[in-house]
Amino acid sequence: MKVLRPTLREKRRWILVIFEGERPENPGKFVVSAIRRYLGVLGMALAHPRVEEKDGKVLISVNREYVDAVRAAIVLGRGEFLLRTVVAGTVEGLRRKGFL
């Protein structure tokens, strides 16, 4: 199998969503529905979010070009929940910052 050149591969960033105080019943579905409401189906396809849940926190991997749009979607779709978002290039970067 031929290896992709670094310029052709998909460059991704990690967004960590931390709910403070009250949390939704299913944080992963809550975040995905907020992104879908704000970006729509085409935006979801272009941003290509991958969602994982860990200890009440939500990790999202998205395309680099759509980090700001996804963060805006999460903040606008939060409803009555308080939350923080942190962005890093790798999961290890989030660990070094002390969030994981």
N, C-alpha and C. Protein backbone atom coordinates (compact mmCIF):
# COMPACT_ATOMS: atom_id res chain seq x y z
N MET A 1 0.84 -1.17 0.00
CA MET A 1 0.00 0.00 0.00
C MET A 1 0.89 1.24 0.00
N LYS A 2 0.56 2.19 -0.82
CA LYS A 2 1.35 3.40 -0.94
C LYS A 2 1.02 4.37 0.21
N VAL A 3 2.05 5.00 0.73
CA VAL A 3 1.89 5.94 1.83
C VAL A 3 1.54 7.32 1.29
N LEU A 4 0.61 8.01 1.97
CA LEU A 4 0.23 9.36 1.56
C LEU A 4 1.32 10.36 1.92
N ARG A 5 1.52 11.32 1.05
CA ARG A 5 2.45 12.40 1.36
C ARG A 5 1.85 13.25 2.48
N PRO A 6 2.67 13.87 3.30
CA PRO A 6 2.14 14.68 4.40
C PRO A 6 1.22 15.81 3.94
N THR A 7 1.41 16.32 2.74
CA THR A 7 0.55 17.40 2.26
C THR A 7 -0.84 16.92 1.87
N LEU A 8 -1.00 15.63 1.64
CA LEU A 8 -2.30 15.09 1.24
C LEU A 8 -3.10 14.50 2.38
N ARG A 9 -2.47 14.26 3.50
CA ARG A 9 -3.20 13.63 4.59
C ARG A 9 -4.13 14.63 5.27
N GLU A 10 -5.09 14.10 6.01
CA GLU A 10 -6.07 14.92 6.70
C GLU A 10 -5.46 15.43 8.01
N LYS A 11 -5.38 16.73 8.17
CA LYS A 11 -4.80 17.31 9.38
C LYS A 11 -5.93 17.58 10.36
N ARG A 12 -5.81 17.05 11.56
CA ARG A 12 -6.88 17.10 12.53
C ARG A 12 -6.43 17.78 13.82
N ARG A 13 -7.39 18.32 14.55
CA ARG A 13 -7.16 18.90 15.87
C ARG A 13 -8.13 18.25 16.85
N TRP A 14 -7.76 18.24 18.12
CA TRP A 14 -8.59 17.67 19.16
C TRP A 14 -9.23 18.78 19.97
N ILE A 15 -10.53 18.66 20.20
CA ILE A 15 -11.27 19.60 21.03
C ILE A 15 -11.78 18.82 22.23
N LEU A 16 -11.51 19.33 23.43
CA LEU A 16 -12.00 18.72 24.65
C LEU A 16 -13.13 19.59 25.19
N VAL A 17 -14.29 18.99 25.43
CA VAL A 17 -15.44 19.71 25.99
C VAL A 17 -15.61 19.23 27.42
N ILE A 18 -15.53 20.17 28.36
CA ILE A 18 -15.67 19.87 29.79
C ILE A 18 -16.95 20.54 30.28
N PHE A 19 -17.88 19.73 30.78
CA PHE A 19 -19.13 20.27 31.33
C PHE A 19 -18.90 20.60 32.80
N GLU A 20 -19.31 21.79 33.19
CA GLU A 20 -19.17 22.24 34.57
C GLU A 20 -20.54 22.29 35.21
N GLY A 21 -20.66 21.70 36.38
CA GLY A 21 -21.96 21.65 37.06
C GLY A 21 -22.81 20.55 36.46
N GLU A 22 -24.03 20.89 36.09
CA GLU A 22 -24.97 19.93 35.54
C GLU A 22 -24.54 19.47 34.15
N ARG A 23 -24.72 18.17 33.86
CA ARG A 23 -24.34 17.61 32.56
C ARG A 23 -25.56 17.04 31.86
N PRO A 24 -25.51 16.98 30.53
CA PRO A 24 -26.60 16.30 29.83
C PRO A 24 -26.54 14.79 30.09
N GLU A 25 -27.66 14.10 29.83
CA GLU A 25 -27.69 12.65 30.05
C GLU A 25 -26.66 11.93 29.21
N ASN A 26 -26.57 12.29 27.93
CA ASN A 26 -25.61 11.67 27.03
C ASN A 26 -24.78 12.78 26.38
N PRO A 27 -23.62 13.11 26.95
CA PRO A 27 -22.84 14.25 26.45
C PRO A 27 -22.40 14.10 25.00
N GLY A 28 -22.06 12.89 24.56
CA GLY A 28 -21.61 12.68 23.18
C GLY A 28 -22.70 13.01 22.17
N LYS A 29 -23.91 12.51 22.41
CA LYS A 29 -25.04 12.80 21.51
C LYS A 29 -25.40 14.28 21.55
N PHE A 30 -25.28 14.88 22.74
CA PHE A 30 -25.57 16.30 22.89
C PHE A 30 -24.65 17.14 22.01
N VAL A 31 -23.35 16.82 22.02
CA VAL A 31 -22.38 17.56 21.23
C VAL A 31 -22.60 17.34 19.74
N VAL A 32 -22.84 16.10 19.33
CA VAL A 32 -23.06 15.81 17.92
C VAL A 32 -24.31 16.51 17.40
N SER A 33 -25.39 16.52 18.19
CA SER A 33 -26.61 17.19 17.73
C SER A 33 -26.41 18.70 17.66
N ALA A 34 -25.61 19.28 18.57
CA ALA A 34 -25.33 20.72 18.52
C ALA A 34 -24.53 21.06 17.26
N ILE A 35 -23.57 20.22 16.92
CA ILE A 35 -22.77 20.46 15.70
C ILE A 35 -23.65 20.33 14.47
N ARG A 36 -24.52 19.32 14.44
CA ARG A 36 -25.38 19.11 13.27
C ARG A 36 -26.38 20.26 13.10
N ARG A 37 -26.91 20.76 14.22
CA ARG A 37 -27.86 21.89 14.12
C ARG A 37 -27.19 23.13 13.56
N TYR A 38 -25.95 23.40 13.96
CA TYR A 38 -25.28 24.63 13.56
C TYR A 38 -24.64 24.52 12.17
N LEU A 39 -23.95 23.41 11.90
CA LEU A 39 -23.22 23.26 10.63
C LEU A 39 -24.05 22.61 9.53
N GLY A 40 -25.05 21.83 9.90
CA GLY A 40 -25.84 21.12 8.90
C GLY A 40 -25.13 19.84 8.46
N VAL A 41 -25.75 19.13 7.55
CA VAL A 41 -25.21 17.85 7.11
C VAL A 41 -23.92 18.04 6.30
N LEU A 42 -23.88 19.04 5.44
CA LEU A 42 -22.67 19.28 4.65
C LEU A 42 -21.50 19.69 5.53
N GLY A 43 -21.75 20.55 6.50
CA GLY A 43 -20.70 20.96 7.43
C GLY A 43 -20.18 19.79 8.25
N MET A 44 -21.09 18.88 8.63
CA MET A 44 -20.66 17.68 9.35
C MET A 44 -19.75 16.83 8.48
N ALA A 45 -20.10 16.71 7.20
CA ALA A 45 -19.28 15.91 6.30
C ALA A 45 -17.91 16.54 6.09
N LEU A 46 -17.84 17.86 6.02
CA LEU A 46 -16.56 18.53 5.81
C LEU A 46 -15.70 18.56 7.07
N ALA A 47 -16.33 18.77 8.22
CA ALA A 47 -15.58 18.81 9.48
C ALA A 47 -15.19 17.41 9.93
N HIS A 48 -15.99 16.42 9.60
CA HIS A 48 -15.73 15.01 9.90
C HIS A 48 -15.37 14.80 11.37
N PRO A 49 -16.31 15.16 12.29
CA PRO A 49 -15.99 14.99 13.72
C PRO A 49 -16.04 13.53 14.15
N ARG A 50 -15.10 13.16 14.99
CA ARG A 50 -15.09 11.84 15.63
C ARG A 50 -15.19 12.10 17.12
N VAL A 51 -16.20 11.54 17.74
CA VAL A 51 -16.51 11.86 19.13
C VAL A 51 -16.22 10.66 20.03
N GLU A 52 -15.56 10.93 21.17
CA GLU A 52 -15.30 9.93 22.20
C GLU A 52 -15.66 10.53 23.55
N GLU A 53 -16.18 9.70 24.46
CA GLU A 53 -16.49 10.16 25.81
C GLU A 53 -15.54 9.52 26.80
N LYS A 54 -15.03 10.34 27.75
CA LYS A 54 -14.15 9.85 28.81
C LYS A 54 -14.46 10.60 30.10
N ASP A 55 -14.91 9.89 31.10
CA ASP A 55 -15.12 10.46 32.44
C ASP A 55 -15.98 11.73 32.42
N GLY A 56 -17.04 11.74 31.66
CA GLY A 56 -17.91 12.90 31.59
C GLY A 56 -17.39 14.02 30.70
N LYS A 57 -16.22 13.83 30.11
CA LYS A 57 -15.66 14.80 29.17
C LYS A 57 -15.83 14.24 27.76
N VAL A 58 -15.90 15.13 26.78
CA VAL A 58 -16.10 14.71 25.40
C VAL A 58 -14.88 15.14 24.59
N LEU A 59 -14.24 14.18 23.92
CA LEU A 59 -13.11 14.44 23.02
C LEU A 59 -13.62 14.40 21.60
N ILE A 60 -13.30 15.43 20.82
CA ILE A 60 -13.74 15.50 19.43
C ILE A 60 -12.52 15.73 18.56
N SER A 61 -12.37 14.93 17.53
CA SER A 61 -11.31 15.12 16.55
C SER A 61 -11.95 15.68 15.28
N VAL A 62 -11.48 16.85 14.82
CA VAL A 62 -12.07 17.50 13.64
C VAL A 62 -10.98 17.96 12.68
N ASN A 63 -11.38 18.22 11.44
CA ASN A 63 -10.44 18.79 10.47
C ASN A 63 -9.98 20.16 10.94
N ARG A 64 -8.74 20.47 10.66
CA ARG A 64 -8.12 21.70 11.13
C ARG A 64 -8.88 22.95 10.70
N GLU A 65 -9.41 22.95 9.48
CA GLU A 65 -10.07 24.15 8.96
C GLU A 65 -11.40 24.44 9.65
N TYR A 66 -11.98 23.46 10.35
CA TYR A 66 -13.32 23.62 10.92
C TYR A 66 -13.31 23.68 12.44
N VAL A 67 -12.16 23.90 13.06
CA VAL A 67 -12.09 23.95 14.52
C VAL A 67 -12.94 25.09 15.06
N ASP A 68 -12.83 26.27 14.49
CA ASP A 68 -13.59 27.43 14.98
C ASP A 68 -15.09 27.23 14.80
N ALA A 69 -15.50 26.67 13.67
CA ALA A 69 -16.92 26.44 13.42
C ALA A 69 -17.49 25.41 14.39
N VAL A 70 -16.74 24.37 14.68
CA VAL A 70 -17.22 23.34 15.61
C VAL A 70 -17.29 23.89 17.02
N ARG A 71 -16.30 24.67 17.43
CA ARG A 71 -16.35 25.29 18.77
C ARG A 71 -17.54 26.23 18.89
N ALA A 72 -17.81 27.01 17.84
CA ALA A 72 -18.96 27.90 17.86
C ALA A 72 -20.26 27.11 17.95
N ALA A 73 -20.35 26.01 17.22
CA ALA A 73 -21.55 25.17 17.25
C ALA A 73 -21.79 24.61 18.64
N ILE A 74 -20.73 24.19 19.31
CA ILE A 74 -20.88 23.63 20.66
C ILE A 74 -21.33 24.70 21.64
N VAL A 75 -20.73 25.88 21.55
CA VAL A 75 -21.08 26.95 22.48
C VAL A 75 -22.50 27.45 22.23
N LEU A 76 -22.91 27.58 20.98
CA LEU A 76 -24.26 28.06 20.68
C LEU A 76 -25.32 27.02 21.00
N GLY A 77 -24.97 25.74 20.94
CA GLY A 77 -25.95 24.70 21.19
C GLY A 77 -25.96 24.19 22.61
N ARG A 78 -25.27 24.87 23.52
CA ARG A 78 -25.10 24.35 24.87
C ARG A 78 -26.37 24.38 25.71
N GLY A 79 -27.32 25.26 25.39
CA GLY A 79 -28.54 25.35 26.18
C GLY A 79 -28.26 25.88 27.57
N GLU A 80 -28.70 25.13 28.59
CA GLU A 80 -28.54 25.59 29.97
C GLU A 80 -27.27 25.06 30.64
N PHE A 81 -26.43 24.36 29.90
CA PHE A 81 -25.23 23.76 30.47
C PHE A 81 -24.03 24.69 30.33
N LEU A 82 -23.21 24.76 31.38
CA LEU A 82 -21.96 25.51 31.33
C LEU A 82 -20.86 24.57 30.86
N LEU A 83 -20.02 25.07 29.98
CA LEU A 83 -18.96 24.21 29.47
C LEU A 83 -17.73 25.02 29.10
N ARG A 84 -16.59 24.30 28.99
CA ARG A 84 -15.33 24.87 28.53
C ARG A 84 -14.87 24.04 27.35
N THR A 85 -14.19 24.68 26.39
CA THR A 85 -13.58 23.95 25.28
C THR A 85 -12.09 24.27 25.25
N VAL A 86 -11.30 23.23 25.02
CA VAL A 86 -9.85 23.35 24.93
C VAL A 86 -9.42 22.69 23.63
N VAL A 87 -8.52 23.34 22.87
CA VAL A 87 -8.06 22.79 21.59
C VAL A 87 -6.58 22.47 21.67
N ALA A 88 -6.20 21.31 21.09
CA ALA A 88 -4.79 20.92 21.02
C ALA A 88 -4.58 20.13 19.74
N GLY A 89 -3.34 20.00 19.33
CA GLY A 89 -3.01 19.26 18.12
C GLY A 89 -3.01 17.76 18.34
N THR A 90 -2.75 17.33 19.59
CA THR A 90 -2.72 15.91 19.90
C THR A 90 -3.38 15.68 21.26
N VAL A 91 -3.73 14.43 21.53
CA VAL A 91 -4.27 14.09 22.84
C VAL A 91 -3.20 14.27 23.90
N GLU A 92 -1.96 13.98 23.54
CA GLU A 92 -0.84 14.18 24.47
C GLU A 92 -0.72 15.65 24.86
N GLY A 93 -1.00 16.55 23.93
CA GLY A 93 -0.99 17.98 24.24
C GLY A 93 -2.02 18.35 25.28
N LEU A 94 -3.19 17.71 25.23
CA LEU A 94 -4.22 17.94 26.25
C LEU A 94 -3.76 17.42 27.60
N ARG A 95 -3.06 16.28 27.59
CA ARG A 95 -2.54 15.73 28.86
C ARG A 95 -1.49 16.68 29.46
N ARG A 96 -0.62 17.21 28.62
CA ARG A 96 0.41 18.13 29.11
C ARG A 96 -0.19 19.40 29.69
N LYS A 97 -1.29 19.85 29.10
CA LYS A 97 -1.97 21.04 29.63
C LYS A 97 -2.71 20.75 30.93
N GLY A 98 -2.86 19.45 31.26
CA GLY A 98 -3.48 19.07 32.53
C GLY A 98 -4.98 18.87 32.45
N PHE A 99 -5.53 18.68 31.28
CA PHE A 99 -6.97 18.51 31.15
C PHE A 99 -7.40 17.06 31.09
N LEU A 100 -6.49 16.14 30.78
CA LEU A 100 -6.84 14.71 30.75
C LEU A 100 -6.05 13.95 31.78
